[in-house]
Protein backbone atom coordinates (compact mmCIF):
# COMPACT_ATOMS: atom_id res chain seq x y z
CA MET A 1 -43.10 -133.85 16.17
CA SER A 2 -39.34 -133.27 16.57
CA GLU A 3 -39.91 -129.55 16.04
CA ILE A 4 -42.57 -129.49 18.79
CA VAL A 5 -40.26 -131.35 21.18
CA GLU A 6 -37.48 -128.91 20.37
CA MET A 7 -39.72 -125.91 21.14
CA VAL A 8 -40.89 -127.42 24.43
CA GLU A 9 -37.30 -128.24 25.33
CA TYR A 10 -36.36 -124.61 24.68
CA LEU A 11 -39.19 -123.29 26.86
CA VAL A 12 -38.23 -125.58 29.73
CA ARG A 13 -34.45 -125.26 29.55
CA GLN A 14 -34.01 -121.65 28.40
CA THR A 15 -36.25 -119.73 30.81
CA HIS A 16 -34.48 -116.77 32.40
CA ILE A 17 -35.54 -114.48 35.22
CA LYS A 18 -34.29 -111.00 36.06
CA ALA A 19 -34.18 -110.32 39.81
CA PHE A 20 -31.99 -108.48 42.32
CA GLY A 21 -30.01 -106.93 39.49
CA SER A 22 -28.99 -110.31 38.05
CA ILE A 23 -30.30 -112.73 35.43
CA PHE A 24 -30.96 -116.31 36.52
CA ARG A 25 -31.74 -119.39 34.42
CA GLN A 26 -34.48 -121.73 35.61
CA VAL A 27 -32.79 -125.10 36.12
CA LYS A 28 -35.59 -127.10 37.74
CA GLY A 29 -39.19 -127.26 36.62
CA ILE A 30 -40.83 -124.36 34.81
CA ILE A 31 -41.33 -120.75 35.80
CA MET A 32 -44.43 -120.04 37.86
CA GLY A 33 -46.83 -117.73 36.06
CA GLY A 34 -45.21 -118.07 32.66
CA LYS A 35 -47.49 -117.96 29.60
CA SER A 36 -46.75 -121.58 28.71
CA SER A 37 -46.25 -122.92 32.25
CA GLY A 38 -49.83 -123.99 32.91
CA TRP A 39 -50.17 -125.81 29.60
CA LEU A 40 -46.81 -127.54 29.91
CA SER A 41 -47.49 -128.75 33.44
CA ASP A 42 -50.96 -129.88 32.39
CA CYS A 43 -49.56 -131.92 29.49
CA SER A 44 -46.94 -133.47 31.77
CA LEU A 45 -49.51 -134.55 34.36
CA MET A 46 -51.86 -135.86 31.66
CA VAL A 47 -49.08 -138.13 30.39
CA ASP A 48 -48.48 -139.47 33.92
CA GLU A 49 -52.19 -140.17 34.36
CA TYR A 50 -52.53 -141.82 30.96
CA ARG A 51 -49.54 -144.08 31.59
CA TYR A 52 -50.95 -145.19 34.94
CA VAL A 53 -54.36 -146.12 33.48
CA ASP A 54 -52.81 -147.74 30.40
CA THR A 55 -50.48 -149.85 32.54
CA LYS A 56 -53.33 -151.04 34.77
CA VAL A 57 -55.55 -151.94 31.79
CA LYS A 58 -52.78 -153.83 30.01
CA ALA A 59 -52.06 -155.75 33.22
CA GLY A 60 -55.70 -156.80 33.44
CA LEU A 61 -56.32 -154.62 36.51
CA VAL A 62 -59.33 -152.84 35.01
CA GLU A 63 -61.03 -152.34 38.39
CA GLU A 64 -58.05 -150.34 39.64
CA ALA A 65 -58.11 -148.19 36.51
CA ASP A 66 -61.87 -147.70 36.92
CA LYS A 67 -61.32 -146.12 40.34
CA LEU A 68 -60.29 -142.96 38.51
CA LYS A 69 -63.58 -142.80 36.60
CA PHE A 70 -64.72 -139.80 38.67
CA PHE A 71 -61.29 -138.22 39.04
CA ARG A 72 -60.92 -134.66 37.73
CA ARG A 73 -58.00 -132.26 37.71
CA TYR A 74 -57.62 -128.59 36.86
CA ARG A 75 -53.93 -127.71 36.66
CA ASP A 76 -52.65 -128.96 40.02
CA ASP A 77 -56.02 -129.15 41.82
CA CYS A 78 -57.32 -132.72 41.93
CA THR A 79 -60.82 -133.85 42.83
CA SER A 80 -61.66 -137.48 43.42
CA LEU A 81 -65.01 -139.10 44.20
CA ASN A 82 -65.40 -142.49 45.89
CA ILE A 83 -61.64 -143.09 46.09
CA ASP A 84 -60.69 -143.78 49.70
CA ASN A 85 -56.97 -144.20 49.04
CA PHE A 86 -56.36 -141.59 46.36
CA LEU A 87 -53.14 -140.29 47.96
CA ASN A 88 -51.69 -143.82 47.74
CA ILE A 89 -52.78 -144.10 44.11
CA ALA A 90 -51.33 -140.64 43.38
CA SER A 91 -47.92 -141.81 44.58
CA GLU A 92 -48.03 -144.38 41.76
CA ILE A 93 -49.16 -141.84 39.16
CA TYR A 94 -46.98 -138.81 39.75
CA PRO A 95 -43.20 -138.57 40.29
CA SER A 96 -41.86 -138.41 43.85
CA SER A 97 -40.85 -134.78 43.30
CA LEU A 98 -44.56 -133.85 43.32
CA SER A 99 -46.25 -134.09 46.71
CA LEU A 100 -50.05 -133.93 47.04
CA THR A 101 -51.81 -132.75 50.18
CA GLN A 102 -55.44 -133.38 51.09
CA GLU A 103 -57.25 -130.09 51.65
CA ASN A 104 -60.48 -131.36 53.23
CA ASP A 105 -60.65 -133.01 56.68
CA GLN A 106 -64.19 -134.40 56.17
CA LEU A 107 -64.90 -136.95 53.46
CA ASP A 108 -68.31 -135.44 52.65
CA LYS A 109 -67.12 -131.84 52.31
CA ALA A 110 -64.54 -130.09 50.13
CA SER A 111 -63.71 -126.80 48.47
CA VAL A 112 -62.86 -127.20 44.79
CA LEU A 113 -61.53 -124.07 43.10
CA ASP A 114 -64.37 -121.53 43.65
CA MET A 115 -67.00 -124.11 44.64
CA ASP A 116 -68.03 -125.49 48.02
CA VAL A 117 -69.14 -129.13 47.73
CA ILE A 118 -71.17 -131.09 50.30
CA ILE A 119 -72.61 -134.58 49.95
CA GLN A 120 -76.11 -134.73 51.46
CA ASP A 121 -78.25 -137.86 51.28
CA SER A 122 -76.01 -139.26 48.52
CA ASN A 123 -76.50 -136.08 46.46
CA ILE A 124 -73.83 -133.51 45.65
CA VAL A 125 -74.80 -129.99 46.74
CA THR A 126 -72.69 -127.03 45.62
CA LYS A 127 -72.47 -123.33 46.29
CA VAL A 128 -70.00 -120.48 45.82
CA PHE A 129 -66.72 -120.69 47.71
CA CYS A 130 -64.54 -117.59 47.99
CA LYS A 131 -61.31 -117.87 49.96
CA HIS A 132 -61.47 -114.13 50.65
CA ASP A 133 -64.49 -114.71 52.91
CA LEU A 134 -62.20 -116.51 55.37
CA PHE A 135 -59.73 -113.63 55.69
CA PRO A 136 -60.00 -111.45 58.85
CA PHE A 137 -59.81 -108.33 56.67
CA ASP A 138 -61.57 -106.89 53.63
CA VAL A 139 -60.12 -107.78 50.24
CA ILE A 140 -60.37 -105.06 47.62
CA SER A 141 -61.61 -106.58 44.36
CA LEU A 142 -64.09 -105.87 41.58
CA PRO A 143 -63.99 -102.59 39.65
CA PHE A 144 -64.67 -99.11 41.03
CA LEU A 145 -66.78 -96.68 39.01
CA ASP A 146 -64.17 -93.92 39.43
CA SER A 147 -61.45 -96.07 37.87
CA ASN A 148 -60.31 -95.71 34.27
CA LEU A 149 -62.67 -98.51 33.19
CA ASP A 150 -65.81 -97.73 31.23
CA SER A 151 -68.76 -97.75 33.66
CA SER A 152 -70.75 -100.10 31.41
CA LEU A 153 -67.96 -102.66 31.75
CA CYS A 154 -68.12 -102.34 35.54
CA TYR A 155 -71.82 -103.18 35.52
CA ARG A 156 -71.24 -106.12 33.17
CA VAL A 157 -68.94 -107.62 35.80
CA PHE A 158 -72.04 -107.92 38.02
CA TYR A 159 -73.88 -109.55 35.10
CA GLY A 160 -71.12 -112.14 34.69
CA GLN A 161 -70.94 -112.87 38.40
CA LEU A 162 -74.68 -113.57 38.52
CA ILE A 163 -74.33 -116.25 35.85
CA ARG A 164 -71.39 -117.78 37.72
CA PHE A 165 -73.37 -117.81 40.99
CA GLN A 166 -76.30 -119.54 39.27
CA ARG A 167 -74.08 -122.26 37.84
CA LEU A 168 -72.30 -122.90 41.13
CA CYS A 169 -75.34 -122.93 43.43
CA THR A 170 -77.59 -125.96 43.80
CA TYR A 171 -80.14 -124.03 45.86
CA ARG A 172 -81.79 -120.74 45.00
CA SER A 173 -81.28 -119.49 48.56
CA ASP A 174 -77.48 -119.72 48.17
CA PHE A 175 -77.69 -117.80 44.88
CA GLU A 176 -79.75 -115.10 46.56
CA CYS A 177 -77.32 -114.91 49.49
CA ARG A 178 -74.31 -114.41 47.21
CA THR A 179 -76.15 -111.89 45.01
CA ASN A 180 -77.14 -109.90 48.11
CA PHE A 181 -73.52 -109.91 49.32
CA LEU A 182 -72.11 -108.69 46.00
CA ALA A 183 -74.85 -106.12 45.30
CA LYS A 184 -74.35 -104.46 48.68
CA ILE A 185 -70.59 -104.17 48.10
CA LEU A 186 -71.22 -102.47 44.75
CA LEU A 187 -73.97 -100.20 46.11
CA ASP A 188 -71.60 -99.03 48.85
CA ARG A 189 -69.18 -98.05 46.07
CA GLY A 190 -71.76 -95.84 44.42
CA TYR A 191 -73.20 -98.25 41.85
CA ASN A 192 -76.71 -97.35 40.72
CA MET A 193 -79.48 -99.65 41.98
CA GLY A 194 -81.43 -99.31 38.73
CA ASN A 195 -78.45 -100.31 36.58
CA LEU A 196 -77.69 -103.31 38.79
CA ARG A 197 -81.34 -104.36 38.58
CA LYS A 198 -81.18 -104.05 34.79
CA GLN A 199 -78.12 -106.34 34.65
CA PHE A 200 -79.86 -108.81 36.97
CA CYS A 201 -82.90 -109.02 34.68
CA ARG A 202 -80.72 -109.22 31.56
CA ALA A 203 -78.75 -112.14 32.98
CA ILE A 204 -81.88 -114.13 33.81
CA ASP A 205 -83.57 -113.34 30.48
CA LYS A 206 -80.47 -114.43 28.58
CA TYR A 207 -79.93 -117.66 30.54
CA VAL A 208 -83.49 -118.34 31.67
CA GLY A 209 -83.18 -122.02 30.72
CA GLU A 210 -80.38 -122.42 33.26
CA PHE A 211 -82.13 -120.37 35.94
CA GLN A 212 -85.24 -122.51 35.58
CA LYS A 213 -83.59 -125.27 37.60
CA TRP A 214 -85.31 -123.30 40.39
CA VAL A 215 -88.89 -122.06 40.68
CA LEU A 216 -88.57 -118.43 39.65
CA PRO A 217 -90.74 -115.42 40.56
CA LEU A 218 -92.68 -113.94 37.67
CA ASP A 219 -91.29 -110.44 38.24
CA PHE A 220 -87.47 -110.55 38.03
CA SER A 221 -87.14 -106.85 38.86
CA ALA A 222 -89.12 -107.25 42.09
CA TRP A 223 -87.09 -110.37 42.90
CA PHE A 224 -83.86 -108.37 42.70
CA ILE A 225 -85.23 -105.67 45.03
CA GLU A 226 -86.32 -108.38 47.47
CA ILE A 227 -82.84 -109.98 47.41
CA VAL A 228 -81.00 -106.70 47.98
CA SER A 229 -83.45 -105.50 50.66
CA SER A 230 -83.07 -108.66 52.69
CA SER A 231 -80.90 -108.20 55.78
CA ASN A 232 -80.56 -111.86 56.77
CA GLN A 233 -78.81 -113.16 53.64
């Protein structure tokens, strides 16, 4: 344990940055984007959260501890369900040097990482959220066929995105909308319609159990053509 503490201490206290022709030592916090930064910050926040819950339970305030039952955090993004005063609770959990801001203005809507969440009739409905969609300009992403990447890898990116869309979308219509949007971007870049259709069918065949949360057409190939041909997605 002492060896682990020593290594962590070294990572935190002996981080140096080269910039503007000089070398600087990080004296507060940990370097952003460092290989160990995410894990160290995660561990630190986990300890704060554990101590808060442990203190409440030991004080007999189990109901207050239970409020965090549906609390989730990924790195520094927190999501809380059915907690009206989470920012007040957070001030008891985390040190004053960390300030949390509420991203959503409506209690029944929020964007969590790459997911849009809406509460409808007491049910949670999700779909894909991409911050780039809000920008007033086109964002260049996803591989180009004329890059130095193998073309088969470029097509497999489409395969992976389809699985992600399926897992993020509650409704089939939202999945179709996002697939249409992505397929048209790739087709404009010279991707082959037949190869994209093949990846679409492969993704559904491989994860058909997950896709069956919706009523699926019998012909996956025809379904893909229908999605891409649609102009009102």
